[in-house]
Amino acid sequence: METLSKLFGNETKVKVMKLFLFNPEKSFSVADIGNRVKEDQSRVRRELNMFEKIGLVKKKSNGKKKSNSHGFMLDSNFTYLVPLQNFLVNIEPLSSKELIKKISKLGSIKLIITAGVFIQEFESRADILIVGDNIKKGQLDNTIKVLESEIGKELKYAQFTTEDFKYRLSMCDKLTRDILDYPHKKILNKLGAI
């Protein structure tokens, strides 16, 4: 994220850009964008105004006649849309080191597997699989929200206790098999051979 921030000017700009590029069909209000990217609405509005001027996003009304509110969505006619998407998609959203650091704080983590958005396989059943013990659901949800704000996309994730994961492996559970049988990357493995 730091390299992109320097290249594109600031972190807010990168986060907002990624949000639109990874969600091309969705419309977002300024407040929604601020919540999703965890940035102040005034900073978000400044970036949106600039993106609208260059044609990256366009205003979209919410359909209510009396309301003056509107959202913003990606303009599919933007001249450099495909090269920009290719550039941002081919950059690792977060380094494995950063991801391990953020997730390891949640408890006794035994295994972290990335797939989906982390390895440019967007049809994957999950983006991240976390196996560990003593993980608090609230802390996990907060960490996932922070990751989503940095990546610009809602993450599909699964979290299991060590015992539950081993049981699911022994039973050839569909979700765990789908993650392990398709492209993925084990960024932390304290369980040995899987």
C-alpha atoms as a PDB file:
ATOM      1  CA  MET A   1       0.000   0.000   0.000  1.00  0.00           C
ATOM      2  CA  GLU A   2       2.878   2.379   0.792  1.00  0.00           C
ATOM      3  CA  THR A   3       4.315   2.147  -2.740  1.00  0.00           C
ATOM      4  CA  LEU A   4       0.914   2.790  -4.296  1.00  0.00           C
ATOM      5  CA  SER A   5       0.276   5.693  -1.919  1.00  0.00           C
ATOM      6  CA  LYS A   6       3.498   7.327  -3.024  1.00  0.00           C
ATOM      7  CA  LEU A   7       2.803   6.596  -6.683  1.00  0.00           C
ATOM      8  CA  PHE A   8      -0.783   7.857  -6.622  1.00  0.00           C
ATOM      9  CA  GLY A   9      -0.381  10.663  -4.096  1.00  0.00           C
ATOM     10  CA  ASN A  10      -1.985   9.398  -0.903  1.00  0.00           C
ATOM     11  CA  GLU A  11      -3.541   6.392   0.763  1.00  0.00           C
ATOM     12  CA  THR A  12      -7.107   7.739   0.628  1.00  0.00           C
ATOM     13  CA  LYS A  13      -6.901   8.084  -3.141  1.00  0.00           C
ATOM     14  CA  VAL A  14      -5.681   4.496  -3.519  1.00  0.00           C
ATOM     15  CA  LYS A  15      -8.352   3.091  -1.205  1.00  0.00           C
ATOM     16  CA  VAL A  16     -11.195   4.934  -2.960  1.00  0.00           C
ATOM     17  CA  MET A  17      -9.851   3.968  -6.387  1.00  0.00           C
ATOM     18  CA  LYS A  18      -9.627   0.299  -5.399  1.00  0.00           C
ATOM     19  CA  LEU A  19     -13.148   0.369  -3.951  1.00  0.00           C
ATOM     20  CA  PHE A  20     -14.572   1.429  -7.314  1.00  0.00           C
ATOM     21  CA  LEU A  21     -12.324  -0.781  -9.442  1.00  0.00           C
ATOM     22  CA  PHE A  22     -13.120  -3.926  -7.422  1.00  0.00           C
ATOM     23  CA  ASN A  23     -16.854  -3.113  -7.273  1.00  0.00           C
ATOM     24  CA  PRO A  24     -17.567  -1.759 -10.770  1.00  0.00           C
ATOM     25  CA  GLU A  25     -21.339  -2.288 -10.716  1.00  0.00           C
ATOM     26  CA  LYS A  26     -21.994  -0.756  -7.290  1.00  0.00           C
ATOM     27  CA  SER A  27     -22.951   2.773  -6.365  1.00  0.00           C
ATOM     28  CA  PHE A  28     -21.684   4.278  -3.094  1.00  0.00           C
ATOM     29  CA  SER A  29     -22.603   7.370  -1.080  1.00  0.00           C
ATOM     30  CA  VAL A  30     -19.834   9.549   0.342  1.00  0.00           C
ATOM     31  CA  ALA A  31     -20.670   8.299   3.853  1.00  0.00           C
ATOM     32  CA  ASP A  32     -20.577   4.663   2.712  1.00  0.00           C
ATOM     33  CA  ILE A  33     -17.222   5.170   1.004  1.00  0.00           C
ATOM     34  CA  GLY A  34     -15.839   6.845   4.138  1.00  0.00           C
ATOM     35  CA  ASN A  35     -16.965   3.888   6.266  1.00  0.00           C
ATOM     36  CA  ARG A  36     -15.627   1.287   3.869  1.00  0.00           C
ATOM     37  CA  VAL A  37     -12.203   2.841   3.407  1.00  0.00           C
ATOM     38  CA  LYS A  38     -11.972   4.068   7.020  1.00  0.00           C
ATOM     39  CA  GLU A  39     -11.232   7.646   5.997  1.00  0.00           C
ATOM     40  CA  ASP A  40     -12.728  11.048   6.806  1.00  0.00           C
ATOM     41  CA  GLN A  41     -15.637  12.058   4.538  1.00  0.00           C
ATOM     42  CA  SER A  42     -14.036  15.386   3.619  1.00  0.00           C
ATOM     43  CA  ARG A  43     -10.936  13.588   2.302  1.00  0.00           C
ATOM     44  CA  VAL A  44     -13.153  11.106   0.455  1.00  0.00           C
ATOM     45  CA  ARG A  45     -15.211  13.937  -1.074  1.00  0.00           C
ATOM     46  CA  ARG A  46     -12.011  15.671  -2.260  1.00  0.00           C
ATOM     47  CA  GLU A  47     -10.833  12.482  -4.007  1.00  0.00           C
ATOM     48  CA  LEU A  48     -14.293  11.869  -5.499  1.00  0.00           C
ATOM     49  CA  ASN A  49     -14.384  15.388  -6.951  1.00  0.00           C
ATOM     50  CA  MET A  50     -11.005  14.808  -8.573  1.00  0.00           C
ATOM     51  CA  PHE A  51     -12.044  11.359  -9.868  1.00  0.00           C
ATOM     52  CA  GLU A  52     -15.262  12.838 -11.265  1.00  0.00           C
ATOM     53  CA  LYS A  53     -13.324  15.604 -13.061  1.00  0.00           C
ATOM     54  CA  ILE A  54     -11.064  13.092 -14.807  1.00  0.00           C
ATOM     55  CA  GLY A  55     -13.986  10.774 -15.615  1.00  0.00           C
ATOM     56  CA  LEU A  56     -13.127   7.785 -13.414  1.00  0.00           C
ATOM     57  CA  VAL A  57     -16.411   7.986 -11.481  1.00  0.00           C
ATOM     58  CA  LYS A  58     -19.807   9.464 -12.216  1.00  0.00           C
ATOM     59  CA  LYS A  59     -22.701  10.579 -10.054  1.00  0.00           C
ATOM     60  CA  LYS A  60     -25.708   8.326  -9.908  1.00  0.00           C
ATOM     61  CA  SER A  61     -28.989   9.450  -8.347  1.00  0.00           C
ATOM     62  CA  ASN A  62     -30.623   7.132  -5.861  1.00  0.00           C
ATOM     63  CA  GLY A  63     -33.906   7.152  -7.796  1.00  0.00           C
ATOM     64  CA  LYS A  64     -35.950   9.193  -5.313  1.00  0.00           C
ATOM     65  CA  LYS A  65     -37.557  12.199  -7.005  1.00  0.00           C
ATOM     66  CA  LYS A  66     -37.645  14.585  -4.031  1.00  0.00           C
ATOM     67  CA  SER A  67     -34.279  13.602  -2.643  1.00  0.00           C
ATOM     68  CA  ASN A  68     -31.196  15.387  -3.865  1.00  0.00           C
ATOM     69  CA  SER A  69     -28.873  12.643  -2.654  1.00  0.00           C
ATOM     70  CA  HIS A  70     -26.735  10.650  -5.008  1.00  0.00           C
ATOM     71  CA  GLY A  71     -24.028   8.105  -5.039  1.00  0.00           C
ATOM     72  CA  PHE A  72     -20.963   7.579  -7.126  1.00  0.00           C
ATOM     73  CA  MET A  73     -20.067   4.666  -9.334  1.00  0.00           C
ATOM     74  CA  LEU A  74     -17.263   3.695 -11.660  1.00  0.00           C
ATOM     75  CA  ASP A  75     -17.609   5.152 -15.151  1.00  0.00           C
ATOM     76  CA  SER A  76     -17.082   2.208 -17.484  1.00  0.00           C
ATOM     77  CA  ASN A  77     -16.182   4.639 -20.293  1.00  0.00           C
ATOM     78  CA  PHE A  78     -13.079   5.957 -18.512  1.00  0.00           C
ATOM     79  CA  THR A  79     -10.258   6.007 -21.068  1.00  0.00           C
ATOM     80  CA  TYR A  80      -7.671   4.262 -18.908  1.00  0.00           C
ATOM     81  CA  LEU A  81     -10.021   1.907 -17.058  1.00  0.00           C
ATOM     82  CA  VAL A  82      -8.623  -1.419 -18.311  1.00  0.00           C
ATOM     83  CA  PRO A  83      -4.926  -0.536 -17.825  1.00  0.00           C
ATOM     84  CA  LEU A  84      -5.692   0.871 -14.359  1.00  0.00           C
ATOM     85  CA  GLN A  85      -7.661  -2.247 -13.382  1.00  0.00           C
ATOM     86  CA  ASN A  86      -4.907  -4.517 -14.688  1.00  0.00           C
ATOM     87  CA  PHE A  87      -2.278  -2.546 -12.796  1.00  0.00           C
ATOM     88  CA  LEU A  88      -4.105  -2.598  -9.453  1.00  0.00           C
ATOM     89  CA  VAL A  89      -5.295  -6.196  -9.818  1.00  0.00           C
ATOM     90  CA  ASN A  90      -1.779  -7.472 -10.491  1.00  0.00           C
ATOM     91  CA  ILE A  91      -0.337  -5.832  -7.397  1.00  0.00           C
ATOM     92  CA  GLU A  92      -0.507  -7.908  -4.234  1.00  0.00           C
ATOM     93  CA  PRO A  93      -3.173  -6.143  -2.112  1.00  0.00           C
ATOM     94  CA  LEU A  94      -1.208  -6.698   1.103  1.00  0.00           C
ATOM     95  CA  SER A  95       2.113  -8.375   1.630  1.00  0.00           C
ATOM     96  CA  SER A  96       2.055 -11.760   3.336  1.00  0.00           C
ATOM     97  CA  LYS A  97       4.147 -10.274   6.128  1.00  0.00           C
ATOM     98  CA  GLU A  98       1.580  -7.502   6.777  1.00  0.00           C
ATOM     99  CA  LEU A  99      -1.286  -9.989   6.706  1.00  0.00           C
ATOM    100  CA  ILE A 100       0.414 -12.380   9.143  1.00  0.00           C
ATOM    101  CA  LYS A 101       1.185  -9.481  11.491  1.00  0.00           C
ATOM    102  CA  LYS A 102      -2.439  -8.293  11.554  1.00  0.00           C
ATOM    103  CA  ILE A 103      -3.976 -11.749  11.948  1.00  0.00           C
ATOM    104  CA  SER A 104      -1.454 -13.138  14.452  1.00  0.00           C
ATOM    105  CA  LYS A 105      -2.670 -10.618  17.027  1.00  0.00           C
ATOM    106  CA  LEU A 106      -6.067 -12.351  17.128  1.00  0.00           C
ATOM    107  CA  GLY A 107      -5.072 -15.463  19.060  1.00  0.00           C
ATOM    108  CA  SER A 108      -3.058 -18.650  18.708  1.00  0.00           C
ATOM    109  CA  ILE A 109      -2.949 -18.764  14.898  1.00  0.00           C
ATOM    110  CA  LYS A 110      -1.862 -22.067  13.338  1.00  0.00           C
ATOM    111  CA  LEU A 111      -2.634 -21.593   9.645  1.00  0.00           C
ATOM    112  CA  ILE A 112      -3.365 -18.728   7.259  1.00  0.00           C
ATOM    113  CA  ILE A 113      -4.217 -19.521   3.655  1.00  0.00           C
ATOM    114  CA  THR A 114      -4.834 -16.794   1.114  1.00  0.00           C
ATOM    115  CA  ALA A 115      -6.753 -17.261  -2.107  1.00  0.00           C
ATOM    116  CA  GLY A 116      -9.151 -15.203  -4.188  1.00  0.00           C
ATOM    117  CA  VAL A 117      -8.312 -11.511  -4.273  1.00  0.00           C
ATOM    118  CA  PHE A 118      -4.905 -12.106  -2.665  1.00  0.00           C
ATOM    119  CA  ILE A 119      -3.705 -14.226  -5.602  1.00  0.00           C
ATOM    120  CA  GLN A 120      -5.821 -12.668  -8.383  1.00  0.00           C
ATOM    121  CA  GLU A 121      -8.272 -15.616  -8.492  1.00  0.00           C
ATOM    122  CA  PHE A 122     -11.562 -13.760  -8.164  1.00  0.00           C
ATOM    123  CA  GLU A 123     -13.873 -16.785  -8.454  1.00  0.00           C
ATOM    124  CA  SER A 124     -12.512 -18.473  -5.324  1.00  0.00           C
ATOM    125  CA  ARG A 125     -14.930 -19.565  -2.581  1.00  0.00           C
ATOM    126  CA  ALA A 126     -12.868 -17.716   0.019  1.00  0.00           C
ATOM    127  CA  ASP A 127     -10.174 -15.074   0.052  1.00  0.00           C
ATOM    128  CA  ILE A 128      -8.672 -16.102   3.359  1.00  0.00           C
ATOM    129  CA  LEU A 129      -8.799 -19.127   5.657  1.00  0.00           C
ATOM    130  CA  ILE A 130      -7.727 -18.705   9.267  1.00  0.00           C
ATOM    131  CA  VAL A 131      -7.157 -21.626  11.628  1.00  0.00           C
ATOM    132  CA  GLY A 132      -6.408 -20.958  15.262  1.00  0.00           C
ATOM    133  CA  ASP A 133      -7.593 -21.071  18.818  1.00  0.00           C
ATOM    134  CA  ASN A 134      -8.761 -18.432  21.300  1.00  0.00           C
ATOM    135  CA  ILE A 135      -9.839 -16.081  18.506  1.00  0.00           C
ATOM    136  CA  LYS A 136     -12.413 -13.505  19.572  1.00  0.00           C
ATOM    137  CA  LYS A 137     -15.123 -13.057  16.924  1.00  0.00           C
ATOM    138  CA  GLY A 138     -15.354  -9.278  17.480  1.00  0.00           C
ATOM    139  CA  GLN A 139     -11.620  -8.754  17.031  1.00  0.00           C
ATOM    140  CA  LEU A 140     -11.639 -10.946  13.922  1.00  0.00           C
ATOM    141  CA  ASP A 141     -14.530  -8.956  12.427  1.00  0.00           C
ATOM    142  CA  ASN A 142     -12.722  -5.667  13.124  1.00  0.00           C
ATOM    143  CA  THR A 143      -9.506  -6.951  11.544  1.00  0.00           C
ATOM    144  CA  ILE A 144     -11.406  -8.143   8.462  1.00  0.00           C
ATOM    145  CA  LYS A 145     -13.060  -4.710   8.140  1.00  0.00           C
ATOM    146  CA  VAL A 146      -9.636  -3.033   8.287  1.00  0.00           C
ATOM    147  CA  LEU A 147      -8.318  -5.425   5.622  1.00  0.00           C
ATOM    148  CA  GLU A 148     -11.374  -4.729   3.453  1.00  0.00           C
ATOM    149  CA  SER A 149     -10.768  -0.986   3.739  1.00  0.00           C
ATOM    150  CA  GLU A 150      -7.171  -1.425   2.575  1.00  0.00           C
ATOM    151  CA  ILE A 151      -8.015  -3.817  -0.245  1.00  0.00           C
ATOM    152  CA  GLY A 152     -11.167  -2.094  -1.468  1.00  0.00           C
ATOM    153  CA  LYS A 153     -13.282  -5.233  -1.595  1.00  0.00           C
ATOM    154  CA  GLU A 154     -15.418  -7.249   0.792  1.00  0.00           C
ATOM    155  CA  LEU A 155     -13.520 -10.362   1.793  1.00  0.00           C
ATOM    156  CA  LYS A 156     -14.918 -13.866   1.879  1.00  0.00           C
ATOM    157  CA  TYR A 157     -13.286 -15.643   4.784  1.00  0.00           C
ATOM    158  CA  ALA A 158     -13.536 -18.753   6.915  1.00  0.00           C
ATOM    159  CA  GLN A 159     -12.208 -19.239  10.428  1.00  0.00           C
ATOM    160  CA  PHE A 160     -11.932 -22.559  12.252  1.00  0.00           C
ATOM    161  CA  THR A 161     -10.479 -23.816  15.496  1.00  0.00           C
ATOM    162  CA  THR A 162      -7.579 -26.228  15.021  1.00  0.00           C
ATOM    163  CA  GLU A 163      -9.726 -29.172  16.097  1.00  0.00           C
ATOM    164  CA  ASP A 164     -12.599 -28.204  13.788  1.00  0.00           C
ATOM    165  CA  PHE A 165     -10.244 -27.723  10.832  1.00  0.00           C
ATOM    166  CA  LYS A 166      -8.618 -31.137  11.324  1.00  0.00           C
ATOM    167  CA  TYR A 167     -12.061 -32.728  11.578  1.00  0.00           C
ATOM    168  CA  ARG A 168     -13.198 -30.990   8.378  1.00  0.00           C
ATOM    169  CA  LEU A 169     -10.061 -32.195   6.594  1.00  0.00           C
ATOM    170  CA  SER A 170     -10.687 -35.783   7.696  1.00  0.00           C
ATOM    171  CA  MET A 171     -14.304 -35.568   6.484  1.00  0.00           C
ATOM    172  CA  CYS A 172     -13.314 -33.982   3.128  1.00  0.00           C
ATOM    173  CA  ASP A 173     -15.458 -30.937   3.910  1.00  0.00           C
ATOM    174  CA  LYS A 174     -16.412 -29.158   0.676  1.00  0.00           C
ATOM    175  CA  LEU A 175     -15.314 -25.664   1.732  1.00  0.00           C
ATOM    176  CA  THR A 176     -11.894 -26.724   2.988  1.00  0.00           C
ATOM    177  CA  ARG A 177     -11.379 -28.988  -0.049  1.00  0.00           C
ATOM    178  CA  ASP A 178     -12.369 -26.170  -2.422  1.00  0.00           C
ATOM    179  CA  ILE A 179      -9.824 -23.865  -0.817  1.00  0.00           C
ATOM    180  CA  LEU A 180      -7.042 -26.465  -0.742  1.00  0.00           C
ATOM    181  CA  ASP A 181      -7.725 -28.015  -4.161  1.00  0.00           C
ATOM    182  CA  TYR A 182      -7.737 -24.718  -6.037  1.00  0.00           C
ATOM    183  CA  PRO A 183      -5.046 -22.030  -6.279  1.00  0.00           C
ATOM    184  CA  HIS A 184      -4.040 -20.748  -2.858  1.00  0.00           C
ATOM    185  CA  LYS A 185      -1.010 -19.704  -0.864  1.00  0.00           C
ATOM    186  CA  LYS A 186      -0.114 -20.876   2.643  1.00  0.00           C
ATOM    187  CA  ILE A 187       1.428 -17.815   4.229  1.00  0.00           C
ATOM    188  CA  LEU A 188       1.598 -19.282   7.745  1.00  0.00           C
ATOM    189  CA  ASN A 189       1.576 -22.994   8.544  1.00  0.00           C
ATOM    190  CA  LYS A 190       2.235 -24.381  12.006  1.00  0.00           C
ATOM    191  CA  LEU A 191       0.171 -27.526  11.364  1.00  0.00           C
ATOM    192  CA  GLY A 192       2.659 -29.358   9.162  1.00  0.00           C
ATOM    193  CA  ALA A 193       1.555 -31.270   6.060  1.00  0.00           C
ATOM    194  CA  ILE A 194      -1.978 -30.526   4.940  1.00  0.00           C
END
